[in-house]
Structures are given as C-alpha cells and as structure tokens.
N, C-alpha and C. Protein backbone atom coordinates (compact mmCIF):
# COMPACT_ATOMS: atom_id res chain seq x y z
N MET A 1 176.27 -76.49 11.84
CA MET A 1 175.20 -76.52 11.02
C MET A 1 174.09 -77.76 11.61
N PHE A 2 174.92 -78.97 11.61
CA PHE A 2 174.30 -80.10 11.94
C PHE A 2 173.39 -79.92 13.29
N ASP A 3 174.19 -79.40 14.26
CA ASP A 3 173.64 -79.36 15.79
C ASP A 3 172.29 -78.26 15.54
N ILE A 4 172.49 -77.27 14.90
CA ILE A 4 171.19 -76.55 14.62
C ILE A 4 170.14 -77.16 13.96
N VAL A 5 170.42 -77.92 12.80
CA VAL A 5 169.15 -78.46 12.21
C VAL A 5 168.75 -79.63 12.86
N PHE A 6 169.57 -80.66 13.44
CA PHE A 6 169.03 -81.63 14.33
C PHE A 6 168.15 -81.15 15.50
N SER A 7 168.81 -80.04 16.08
CA SER A 7 168.09 -79.47 17.41
C SER A 7 166.68 -78.97 16.95
N LEU A 8 166.50 -78.33 15.77
CA LEU A 8 165.37 -77.79 15.50
C LEU A 8 164.20 -78.88 15.21
N LEU A 9 164.79 -79.86 14.54
CA LEU A 9 164.08 -80.95 14.14
C LEU A 9 163.32 -81.60 15.38
N VAL A 10 164.24 -81.92 16.31
CA VAL A 10 163.96 -82.50 17.50
C VAL A 10 162.96 -81.83 18.38
N ILE A 11 162.83 -80.17 18.50
CA ILE A 11 162.14 -79.34 19.09
C ILE A 11 160.97 -79.04 18.21
N ILE A 12 160.75 -79.09 16.94
CA ILE A 12 159.44 -79.00 16.42
C ILE A 12 159.19 -80.13 16.36
N LEU A 13 159.46 -81.37 16.03
CA LEU A 13 159.04 -82.68 15.91
C LEU A 13 158.65 -83.51 17.10
N VAL A 14 159.38 -83.16 18.07
CA VAL A 14 158.95 -83.96 19.47
C VAL A 14 158.51 -82.96 20.58
N MET A 15 159.58 -82.10 21.02
CA MET A 15 159.14 -81.20 21.97
C MET A 15 157.71 -80.43 21.74
N THR A 16 157.34 -80.08 20.73
CA THR A 16 156.22 -79.40 20.68
C THR A 16 154.98 -80.28 21.24
N TRP A 17 155.10 -81.37 21.17
CA TRP A 17 153.58 -82.15 21.69
C TRP A 17 154.09 -83.11 22.89
N LEU A 18 155.35 -83.28 22.94
CA LEU A 18 155.78 -84.18 24.13
C LEU A 18 155.97 -83.10 25.59
N TYR A 19 156.50 -82.02 25.46
CA TYR A 19 156.86 -80.98 26.45
C TYR A 19 155.56 -80.81 27.15
N PRO A 20 154.30 -80.54 26.70
CA PRO A 20 153.24 -80.53 27.73
C PRO A 20 152.77 -81.48 28.28
N ILE A 21 152.95 -82.82 27.56
CA ILE A 21 152.64 -83.96 28.59
C ILE A 21 153.48 -84.24 29.53
N ILE A 22 154.68 -84.35 29.26
CA ILE A 22 155.75 -84.28 30.41
C ILE A 22 155.75 -83.22 31.53
N ALA A 23 155.32 -82.12 31.00
CA ALA A 23 155.13 -81.06 32.27
C ALA A 23 154.07 -81.26 33.20
N LEU A 24 152.85 -81.77 32.60
CA LEU A 24 151.64 -82.01 33.18
C LEU A 24 152.18 -83.14 34.32
N LEU A 25 152.77 -84.23 33.82
CA LEU A 25 153.23 -85.35 34.71
C LEU A 25 153.98 -84.96 35.68
N ILE A 26 155.08 -84.34 35.37
CA ILE A 26 156.05 -83.64 36.66
C ILE A 26 155.12 -82.87 37.53
N LYS A 27 154.46 -82.13 37.20
CA LYS A 27 153.56 -81.22 38.00
C LYS A 27 152.58 -81.89 39.04
N LEU A 28 152.05 -82.78 38.36
CA LEU A 28 150.99 -83.81 39.28
C LEU A 28 151.85 -84.56 40.14
N GLN A 29 153.00 -84.88 40.22
CA GLN A 29 153.78 -85.72 41.13
C GLN A 29 154.32 -84.95 42.16
N SER A 30 155.22 -83.87 41.69
CA SER A 30 155.54 -83.10 42.92
C SER A 30 155.66 -81.50 42.50
N PRO A 31 155.51 -80.52 43.59
CA PRO A 31 155.72 -79.40 43.34
C PRO A 31 157.13 -78.85 42.93
N GLY A 32 156.97 -77.85 42.28
CA GLY A 32 158.26 -77.42 41.51
C GLY A 32 158.40 -76.98 40.23
N PRO A 33 159.48 -76.59 39.75
CA PRO A 33 159.53 -76.29 38.29
C PRO A 33 159.58 -77.40 37.31
N VAL A 34 158.97 -77.47 36.17
CA VAL A 34 159.01 -78.54 35.11
C VAL A 34 160.68 -78.68 34.63
N ILE A 35 161.35 -77.19 34.51
CA ILE A 35 162.63 -77.53 34.04
C ILE A 35 163.38 -77.52 35.19
N PHE A 36 164.46 -78.22 35.25
CA PHE A 36 165.59 -78.29 36.39
C PHE A 36 166.74 -77.51 35.47
N LYS A 37 167.42 -76.51 36.30
CA LYS A 37 168.64 -75.79 35.54
C LYS A 37 169.75 -75.89 36.81
N GLN A 38 170.86 -76.62 35.94
CA GLN A 38 172.04 -76.89 36.87
C GLN A 38 173.37 -76.16 36.07
N LEU A 39 174.13 -75.61 37.05
CA LEU A 39 175.42 -75.11 36.54
C LEU A 39 176.19 -76.31 36.10
N ARG A 40 176.79 -76.43 34.99
CA ARG A 40 177.66 -77.42 34.55
C ARG A 40 178.69 -76.65 33.95
N SER A 41 179.89 -77.68 33.70
CA SER A 41 181.26 -77.08 33.09
C SER A 41 181.09 -77.19 31.46
N GLY A 42 181.40 -76.30 30.96
CA GLY A 42 181.27 -76.25 29.27
C GLY A 42 182.58 -76.33 28.60
N GLU A 43 182.44 -75.49 27.56
CA GLU A 43 183.65 -75.27 26.66
C GLU A 43 184.52 -74.40 27.40
N LYS A 44 185.82 -74.79 27.34
CA LYS A 44 186.85 -73.88 28.25
C LYS A 44 186.59 -73.57 29.43
N ASN A 45 186.01 -74.75 30.08
CA ASN A 45 185.66 -74.85 31.53
C ASN A 45 184.59 -73.55 31.93
N GLU A 46 183.97 -72.95 31.00
CA GLU A 46 182.90 -72.14 31.24
C GLU A 46 181.71 -72.69 31.86
N PRO A 47 181.18 -72.11 33.05
CA PRO A 47 179.89 -72.70 33.36
C PRO A 47 178.58 -72.12 32.59
N PHE A 48 177.68 -73.00 32.57
CA PHE A 48 176.58 -72.63 31.92
C PHE A 48 175.34 -73.58 32.55
N PHE A 49 174.18 -72.78 32.28
CA PHE A 49 172.84 -73.62 33.02
C PHE A 49 172.62 -74.69 31.86
N CYS A 50 172.65 -75.93 32.48
CA CYS A 50 172.11 -76.86 31.57
C CYS A 50 170.88 -77.52 32.04
N TYR A 51 170.03 -77.53 31.02
CA TYR A 51 168.34 -77.63 31.07
C TYR A 51 168.06 -79.30 31.10
N LYS A 52 167.12 -79.72 31.97
CA LYS A 52 166.79 -80.93 32.01
C LYS A 52 165.29 -80.83 32.34
N PHE A 53 164.28 -81.81 32.16
CA PHE A 53 163.29 -82.03 32.52
C PHE A 53 163.45 -82.38 34.00
N ARG A 54 162.69 -81.94 34.98
CA ARG A 54 162.94 -82.26 36.58
C ARG A 54 162.56 -83.52 36.66
N SER A 55 163.42 -84.58 37.26
CA SER A 55 163.00 -85.84 37.56
C SER A 55 163.22 -86.09 38.98
N MET A 56 163.32 -85.20 39.75
CA MET A 56 163.50 -85.56 41.26
C MET A 56 162.65 -84.66 42.14
N ARG A 57 162.36 -84.73 43.22
CA ARG A 57 161.66 -83.75 43.94
C ARG A 57 162.84 -82.78 44.44
N VAL A 58 162.16 -81.52 44.44
CA VAL A 58 163.19 -80.10 44.70
C VAL A 58 163.87 -80.59 46.05
N ASN A 59 164.91 -80.53 46.11
CA ASN A 59 165.89 -81.12 47.14
C ASN A 59 167.04 -80.19 47.42
N ALA A 60 167.79 -80.06 48.70
CA ALA A 60 169.05 -79.21 48.72
C ALA A 60 170.40 -80.13 48.02
N GLU A 61 170.21 -81.20 47.65
CA GLU A 61 171.42 -81.88 47.22
C GLU A 61 171.70 -81.91 45.86
N SER A 62 170.65 -81.14 45.09
CA SER A 62 170.64 -81.55 43.65
C SER A 62 171.89 -81.23 42.90
N ASP A 63 172.57 -79.93 43.49
CA ASP A 63 173.95 -79.57 43.02
C ASP A 63 175.27 -80.11 43.40
N LEU A 64 175.06 -80.99 44.41
CA LEU A 64 176.03 -81.64 44.85
C LEU A 64 176.41 -83.15 44.62
N LYS A 65 174.90 -84.05 44.87
CA LYS A 65 175.07 -85.24 44.92
C LYS A 65 174.61 -85.87 43.42
N GLN A 66 175.08 -86.76 42.72
CA GLN A 66 174.52 -87.18 41.66
C GLN A 66 173.48 -88.26 41.74
N ALA A 67 172.50 -88.72 41.22
CA ALA A 67 171.65 -89.47 41.37
C ALA A 67 172.30 -91.15 41.57
N VAL A 68 171.78 -91.81 42.49
CA VAL A 68 172.24 -93.04 42.46
C VAL A 68 171.03 -93.92 42.06
N LYS A 69 171.34 -95.44 42.13
CA LYS A 69 170.46 -96.43 41.95
C LYS A 69 169.39 -96.29 43.35
N GLY A 70 168.15 -96.33 43.10
CA GLY A 70 167.14 -96.47 44.29
C GLY A 70 166.96 -95.01 44.74
N ASP A 71 167.75 -94.03 44.10
CA ASP A 71 167.59 -92.79 44.90
C ASP A 71 166.18 -92.16 45.15
N ALA A 72 165.91 -92.10 46.43
CA ALA A 72 164.75 -91.70 46.96
C ALA A 72 164.09 -90.30 46.59
N ARG A 73 164.97 -89.55 45.99
CA ARG A 73 164.52 -88.12 45.23
C ARG A 73 163.85 -87.73 43.86
N ILE A 74 164.08 -89.34 43.49
CA ILE A 74 163.38 -89.60 42.14
C ILE A 74 162.03 -89.74 42.06
N THR A 75 161.31 -89.10 41.50
CA THR A 75 159.73 -89.28 41.42
C THR A 75 159.41 -90.53 40.61
N LYS A 76 158.23 -91.00 40.39
CA LYS A 76 157.87 -92.13 39.58
C LYS A 76 157.94 -91.53 37.86
N ILE A 77 157.49 -90.62 37.56
CA ILE A 77 157.54 -90.06 36.22
C ILE A 77 159.17 -89.66 36.09
N GLY A 78 159.92 -89.31 37.08
CA GLY A 78 161.39 -89.20 36.90
C GLY A 78 162.03 -90.46 36.42
N GLN A 79 161.52 -91.34 37.17
CA GLN A 79 162.39 -92.91 36.84
C GLN A 79 162.13 -93.32 35.42
N PHE A 80 160.96 -92.77 34.88
CA PHE A 80 160.76 -93.24 33.45
C PHE A 80 161.30 -92.14 32.62
N ILE A 81 161.47 -90.94 32.93
CA ILE A 81 161.93 -90.04 31.70
C ILE A 81 163.53 -90.31 31.91
N ARG A 82 164.00 -90.56 33.08
CA ARG A 82 165.51 -90.92 33.04
C ARG A 82 165.77 -92.11 32.28
N LYS A 83 165.28 -93.15 32.78
CA LYS A 83 165.50 -94.47 32.11
C LYS A 83 165.25 -94.28 30.62
N THR A 84 164.68 -93.52 29.82
CA THR A 84 164.21 -93.35 28.42
C THR A 84 165.15 -91.97 27.92
N SER A 85 165.76 -90.96 28.96
CA SER A 85 166.58 -90.08 28.65
C SER A 85 165.63 -88.92 28.04
N ILE A 86 164.25 -89.15 28.19
CA ILE A 86 163.48 -88.12 28.09
C ILE A 86 163.95 -86.61 28.66
N ASP A 87 164.51 -87.05 29.92
CA ASP A 87 164.72 -85.65 30.91
C ASP A 87 165.82 -84.82 30.00
N GLU A 88 166.61 -85.49 29.09
CA GLU A 88 167.77 -84.72 28.39
C GLU A 88 167.00 -83.91 27.36
N LEU A 89 166.05 -84.09 26.95
CA LEU A 89 165.60 -83.27 25.60
C LEU A 89 165.40 -81.88 25.57
N PRO A 90 165.23 -81.17 27.06
CA PRO A 90 165.49 -79.85 27.09
C PRO A 90 167.06 -79.22 26.47
N GLN A 91 167.74 -80.20 26.46
CA GLN A 91 169.09 -79.68 26.35
C GLN A 91 169.43 -79.29 24.85
N PHE A 92 168.27 -79.83 24.04
CA PHE A 92 168.43 -79.11 22.70
C PHE A 92 168.37 -77.46 22.37
N PHE A 93 167.75 -77.13 23.45
CA PHE A 93 167.61 -75.68 23.48
C PHE A 93 169.09 -75.24 24.10
N ASN A 94 169.67 -75.87 24.86
CA ASN A 94 171.19 -75.49 25.05
C ASN A 94 172.08 -75.62 24.02
N VAL A 95 171.89 -76.40 23.06
CA VAL A 95 172.59 -76.57 21.76
C VAL A 95 172.08 -75.27 20.95
N LEU A 96 170.95 -74.71 20.92
CA LEU A 96 170.56 -73.55 20.12
C LEU A 96 170.99 -72.17 20.55
N LYS A 97 171.15 -72.27 21.94
CA LYS A 97 171.70 -71.22 22.69
C LYS A 97 173.39 -71.05 22.40
N GLY A 98 173.91 -72.25 22.22
CA GLY A 98 175.45 -72.26 21.78
C GLY A 98 176.20 -72.99 22.78
N ASP A 99 175.42 -73.22 23.99
CA ASP A 99 176.09 -73.90 25.11
C ASP A 99 176.71 -75.19 25.05
N MET A 100 176.00 -75.79 24.25
CA MET A 100 176.21 -77.30 23.94
C MET A 100 176.10 -77.78 22.30
N SER A 101 176.66 -78.97 22.25
CA SER A 101 176.77 -79.52 21.00
C SER A 101 175.62 -81.07 20.93
N VAL A 102 175.34 -81.55 19.97
CA VAL A 102 174.42 -82.82 20.06
C VAL A 102 175.37 -83.72 20.63
N VAL A 103 176.48 -83.94 20.26
CA VAL A 103 177.52 -84.91 20.53
C VAL A 103 178.71 -84.56 21.00
N GLY A 104 179.24 -84.72 22.02
CA GLY A 104 180.45 -84.38 22.62
C GLY A 104 180.50 -85.13 24.14
N PRO A 105 181.59 -84.60 24.68
CA PRO A 105 181.78 -84.99 26.00
C PRO A 105 180.51 -84.59 27.08
N ARG A 106 180.12 -85.40 27.98
CA ARG A 106 179.05 -84.92 28.76
C ARG A 106 179.45 -83.97 29.74
N PRO A 107 178.43 -82.84 29.87
CA PRO A 107 179.13 -82.06 30.99
C PRO A 107 178.62 -82.56 32.33
N HIS A 108 179.52 -82.07 33.34
CA HIS A 108 179.56 -82.35 34.78
C HIS A 108 179.25 -81.21 35.48
N MET A 109 178.77 -81.65 36.74
CA MET A 109 178.37 -80.62 37.67
C MET A 109 179.52 -80.01 38.15
N LEU A 110 179.73 -78.53 38.59
CA LEU A 110 180.83 -77.93 38.84
C LEU A 110 181.78 -78.87 39.68
N ASN A 111 181.13 -79.02 41.06
CA ASN A 111 182.00 -79.82 41.93
C ASN A 111 182.50 -80.94 41.37
N HIS A 112 181.96 -81.77 40.43
CA HIS A 112 182.66 -82.82 39.89
C HIS A 112 183.62 -82.66 39.01
N THR A 113 183.44 -81.55 38.34
CA THR A 113 184.64 -81.41 37.41
C THR A 113 185.79 -80.80 38.27
N LYS A 114 185.91 -80.16 39.39
CA LYS A 114 186.90 -80.16 40.18
C LYS A 114 187.55 -81.23 40.88
N GLU A 115 186.56 -82.17 41.32
CA GLU A 115 186.97 -83.37 41.86
C GLU A 115 187.66 -84.36 40.94
N TYR A 116 186.98 -84.53 39.75
CA TYR A 116 187.62 -85.31 38.84
C TYR A 116 189.08 -85.10 38.18
N ASN A 117 188.97 -83.67 38.14
CA ASN A 117 190.36 -83.17 37.48
C ASN A 117 191.39 -83.33 38.50
N GLU A 118 191.06 -83.32 39.84
CA GLU A 118 192.17 -83.46 40.73
C GLU A 118 192.72 -85.20 40.97
N VAL A 119 191.58 -86.30 40.55
CA VAL A 119 192.05 -87.48 40.67
C VAL A 119 192.32 -88.07 39.32
N THR A 120 192.31 -87.54 38.31
CA THR A 120 192.29 -88.28 37.10
C THR A 120 193.53 -87.46 36.16
N GLU A 121 193.88 -88.33 34.85
CA GLU A 121 194.58 -87.73 33.92
C GLU A 121 194.03 -87.10 32.78
N ASN A 122 194.37 -85.87 32.53
CA ASN A 122 194.00 -85.27 31.11
C ASN A 122 192.36 -84.95 31.14
N PHE A 123 191.88 -84.80 32.44
CA PHE A 123 190.54 -84.65 32.44
C PHE A 123 190.00 -83.02 31.79
N MET A 124 190.61 -82.34 31.86
CA MET A 124 190.34 -80.94 31.20
C MET A 124 190.37 -80.92 29.60
N VAL A 125 191.00 -81.85 28.89
CA VAL A 125 191.24 -81.80 27.53
C VAL A 125 189.63 -81.92 27.20
N ARG A 126 188.67 -82.56 27.78
CA ARG A 126 187.25 -82.73 27.36
C ARG A 126 186.80 -81.51 27.20
N HIS A 127 187.25 -80.22 27.96
CA HIS A 127 186.78 -78.99 27.60
C HIS A 127 187.10 -78.05 26.59
N PHE A 128 187.68 -78.77 25.62
CA PHE A 128 188.52 -78.19 24.47
C PHE A 128 187.20 -77.93 23.49
N VAL A 129 186.09 -78.68 23.83
CA VAL A 129 185.04 -78.76 22.81
C VAL A 129 183.68 -78.38 23.58
N LYS A 130 182.65 -77.88 22.76
CA LYS A 130 181.31 -77.88 23.48
C LYS A 130 180.97 -79.21 24.21
N PRO A 131 180.17 -79.54 25.13
CA PRO A 131 179.76 -80.84 26.00
C PRO A 131 178.61 -80.80 25.04
N GLY A 132 178.25 -82.29 24.94
CA GLY A 132 177.20 -82.86 24.18
C GLY A 132 176.19 -83.55 24.90
N ILE A 133 174.98 -83.65 24.24
CA ILE A 133 173.85 -84.18 24.93
C ILE A 133 173.92 -85.88 24.85
N THR A 134 174.82 -86.42 24.04
CA THR A 134 175.08 -87.60 23.98
C THR A 134 176.66 -87.64 23.41
N GLY A 135 177.22 -88.88 23.59
CA GLY A 135 178.68 -89.06 23.18
C GLY A 135 179.03 -90.26 22.99
N LEU A 136 180.17 -90.39 22.78
CA LEU A 136 181.08 -91.82 22.75
C LEU A 136 180.78 -92.65 24.00
N SER A 137 181.08 -92.17 25.04
CA SER A 137 180.99 -92.65 26.37
C SER A 137 179.38 -93.43 26.59
N GLN A 138 178.55 -92.54 26.10
CA GLN A 138 177.21 -93.17 26.51
C GLN A 138 176.98 -94.24 25.67
N ILE A 139 177.34 -94.35 24.39
CA ILE A 139 176.63 -95.42 23.49
C ILE A 139 177.77 -96.69 23.60
N ARG A 140 178.71 -96.39 24.34
CA ARG A 140 179.57 -97.58 24.97
C ARG A 140 179.30 -98.04 26.42
N GLY A 141 178.23 -97.55 26.80
CA GLY A 141 177.86 -98.26 28.36
C GLY A 141 178.45 -97.56 29.43
N LEU A 142 179.08 -96.33 29.46
CA LEU A 142 179.63 -95.47 30.37
C LEU A 142 178.87 -94.41 30.62
N ARG A 143 177.78 -94.69 31.44
CA ARG A 143 176.88 -93.46 31.62
C ARG A 143 176.40 -93.65 33.11
N GLY A 144 175.65 -92.91 33.83
CA GLY A 144 175.28 -92.98 35.16
C GLY A 144 176.41 -92.95 36.39
N GLU A 145 175.86 -93.40 37.35
CA GLU A 145 176.77 -93.10 38.50
C GLU A 145 178.01 -93.77 38.33
N ILE A 146 178.86 -92.75 39.18
CA ILE A 146 180.21 -93.16 39.26
C ILE A 146 180.63 -93.63 40.65
N THR A 147 180.87 -95.30 40.54
CA THR A 147 181.24 -95.63 41.82
C THR A 147 182.59 -96.15 42.13
N ASP A 148 183.22 -95.58 40.89
CA ASP A 148 185.02 -95.99 41.32
C ASP A 148 185.40 -95.13 40.05
N MET A 149 186.51 -94.44 40.75
CA MET A 149 187.35 -93.29 39.87
C MET A 149 187.96 -93.96 38.28
N LYS A 150 188.02 -95.37 38.40
CA LYS A 150 188.40 -95.92 37.09
C LYS A 150 187.42 -95.57 35.97
N TYR A 151 186.01 -95.86 36.45
CA TYR A 151 185.14 -95.37 35.38
C TYR A 151 184.93 -93.88 34.91
N ILE A 152 185.51 -93.14 35.59
CA ILE A 152 185.77 -91.57 35.00
C ILE A 152 187.08 -91.52 34.21
N GLN A 153 188.06 -92.28 34.48
CA GLN A 153 188.95 -92.40 33.57
C GLN A 153 188.82 -92.70 32.32
N GLU A 154 188.07 -93.92 32.22
CA GLU A 154 187.49 -94.48 30.94
C GLU A 154 186.61 -93.90 30.24
N ARG A 155 185.68 -93.01 30.73
CA ARG A 155 185.01 -92.08 29.98
C ARG A 155 185.85 -90.81 29.54
N ILE A 156 186.83 -90.58 30.45
CA ILE A 156 187.92 -89.45 29.56
C ILE A 156 188.68 -90.02 28.50
N ASP A 157 188.99 -91.19 28.57
CA ASP A 157 189.76 -91.85 27.42
C ASP A 157 188.80 -91.90 26.18
N MET A 158 187.52 -92.22 26.50
CA MET A 158 186.80 -92.11 25.33
C MET A 158 186.44 -90.72 24.77
N ASP A 159 186.26 -89.77 25.78
CA ASP A 159 186.26 -88.28 25.40
C ASP A 159 187.49 -88.01 24.24
N ILE A 160 188.22 -88.39 24.91
CA ILE A 160 189.96 -87.95 24.05
C ILE A 160 189.77 -88.66 22.90
N GLU A 161 189.37 -90.12 22.80
CA GLU A 161 189.37 -90.76 21.34
C GLU A 161 188.23 -89.98 20.53
N TYR A 162 187.14 -89.69 21.00
CA TYR A 162 186.21 -88.82 20.04
C TYR A 162 186.70 -87.75 19.81
N LEU A 163 187.60 -86.77 20.39
CA LEU A 163 188.04 -85.60 20.16
C LEU A 163 189.08 -85.76 18.96
N GLU A 164 189.92 -86.92 19.20
CA GLU A 164 190.75 -87.01 18.13
C GLU A 164 190.50 -87.65 16.85
N ASN A 165 189.30 -88.33 16.97
CA ASN A 165 188.78 -89.07 15.33
C ASN A 165 187.65 -88.29 15.18
N TRP A 166 187.27 -87.34 15.58
CA TRP A 166 185.67 -86.59 15.17
C TRP A 166 185.65 -86.45 13.54
N ASN A 167 184.35 -86.77 13.26
CA ASN A 167 184.06 -86.40 12.05
C ASN A 167 182.57 -86.56 11.94
N ILE A 168 182.01 -85.83 10.94
CA ILE A 168 180.32 -85.76 11.02
C ILE A 168 179.60 -87.06 10.87
N ILE A 169 180.34 -88.03 10.27
CA ILE A 169 179.70 -89.33 10.12
C ILE A 169 179.59 -89.97 11.61
N SER A 170 180.75 -89.77 12.12
CA SER A 170 180.80 -90.63 13.40
C SER A 170 179.72 -89.72 14.58
N ASP A 171 179.41 -88.51 14.37
CA ASP A 171 178.57 -87.70 15.37
C ASP A 171 177.13 -88.65 14.71
N ILE A 172 176.91 -88.80 13.35
CA ILE A 172 175.66 -89.25 12.96
C ILE A 172 175.11 -90.62 13.52
N LYS A 173 176.59 -91.33 13.36
CA LYS A 173 176.49 -92.66 13.91
C LYS A 173 176.03 -92.72 15.60
N ILE A 174 176.86 -91.81 16.30
CA ILE A 174 176.35 -91.85 17.74
C ILE A 174 175.26 -91.34 17.91
N CYS A 175 174.33 -90.46 17.13
CA CYS A 175 173.21 -90.31 17.45
C CYS A 175 172.24 -91.38 17.05
N PHE A 176 172.45 -92.00 16.05
CA PHE A 176 171.37 -93.52 15.57
C PHE A 176 171.91 -94.23 16.89
N LEU A 177 172.92 -94.55 17.31
CA LEU A 177 173.02 -95.62 18.59
C LEU A 177 172.49 -95.14 19.67
N THR A 178 172.59 -93.76 19.87
CA THR A 178 171.73 -93.23 21.26
C THR A 178 170.27 -93.44 21.12
N LEU A 179 170.01 -93.43 19.83
CA LEU A 179 168.37 -93.89 19.68
C LEU A 179 167.94 -95.09 19.81
N TYR A 180 168.78 -96.00 19.45
CA TYR A 180 168.74 -97.47 19.49
C TYR A 180 168.77 -97.79 21.13
N TYR A 181 169.84 -97.33 21.84
CA TYR A 181 169.86 -97.50 23.44
C TYR A 181 168.73 -97.20 23.96
N VAL A 182 168.36 -95.48 23.65
CA VAL A 182 167.13 -95.17 24.41
C VAL A 182 166.05 -96.28 24.22
N ILE A 183 165.75 -96.95 22.97
CA ILE A 183 164.47 -97.86 22.78
C ILE A 183 164.90 -99.03 23.48
N LYS A 184 166.17 -99.47 23.34
CA LYS A 184 166.53 -101.04 24.13
C LYS A 184 166.36 -100.61 25.39
N GLY A 185 166.82 -99.59 26.05
CA GLY A 185 166.90 -99.47 27.55
C GLY A 185 168.42 -99.55 27.95
N ASP A 186 168.98 -98.88 29.00
CA ASP A 186 170.03 -98.77 29.10
C ASP A 186 170.11 -99.01 30.85
N GLN A 187 170.79 -100.38 31.24
CA GLN A 187 170.84 -100.54 32.75
C GLN A 187 171.33 -99.59 33.58
N ASN A 188 172.51 -98.65 32.80
CA ASN A 188 172.94 -97.62 33.57
C ASN A 188 171.94 -96.49 33.95
N ALA A 189 170.91 -96.46 33.17
CA ALA A 189 170.10 -95.16 33.19
C ALA A 189 168.96 -95.14 34.26
N TYR A 190 169.28 -94.56 35.30
CA TYR A 190 168.29 -94.73 36.62
C TYR A 190 168.18 -93.11 37.18
C-alpha cells in the first residue's frame, strides 16, 4: 500500500508538471526517446524493463557498460538529472506496474547480475524481494560506478541487512534520507 500511495503522490504532484519540462530538454539536446528502457533483474531474478529519463546520447553500449565519471555519452541535461536523481522518477511507473518497490535493493543490468553473482557471496539473496528506486546502500553512500568488487559486496551486505530488518518505519526513513541526499547532492551521482 505504501508503494502505491507514495508512487501516485510523486506521479500526480511532481511528474505531471516536471515530465514535460524534462522531456523538452532531453529532446532539445539529443535525438531519441525521452524514456530509456533497460532490462534489469527483478524479484526472483525475473527480467523487467526499468524506466528512466534518458540521460545519454543513444548508443550501442547502454545495455553493457555502466556510466563512469566524465562519461562522454552523458548529455548536459543528463548530467543534471543524474546528479539530482530526477532520471529515476519514471521508475514510479515501474512501482505501479508491480515490477519495483519504492525501497529495496537497486536492480542491476542483466549482464551485471550474472557477473556479480559469479564473484561475490550471497548476491542472489537480494532477488528475494522487488528491487527499489532507493535503498539502504544509496543512503549510506554506496551508489554509482563499481570500480572494485569489494564495493558490490558491501552493497550486497547492506541489501541483506535491509531484508533482515525490514519495517515500514525504515522505508519511510530511507525515503526521507534519499530526499535529503538528492537536495544536498551526492558525489557518487554522475
């Protein structure tokens, strides 16, 4: 119920006026769709199309290579919407579709799920629940590019901590802390 109510509030109060503005800015900067769809690993490792505002020029590597600092594929408006996490807002439609939750482990690209599962412990535990738009890892500063496999293991450990200690109060707290970091800015968001 929390997911549905929260998502509807964001869509009605924010997306109704912000979507046309962001769409126009994306279209003015580069040709291609406004919404970027990418197959990600969901609950029970079932693939689903995750929606985002497109922040990069259309490119052949988008389903294989994650964004890196100074990535030439990212447009100017893309830099802004990624830094502020506005690019994630279309995922509230994923929540309404039942593919995602507001809070939970972040979904990975399919090839990253396969790669990380092979080199880490307990990776697939995170797929016992729906992936989230935000999560414990994000509010503790573990987001963005994976430069070392130890960082993915830290994220997995936090995902497991979240799953073992889940309650509605922690979800609400994570949502407020996510908003705080969006306003404050996150050095790992690029």
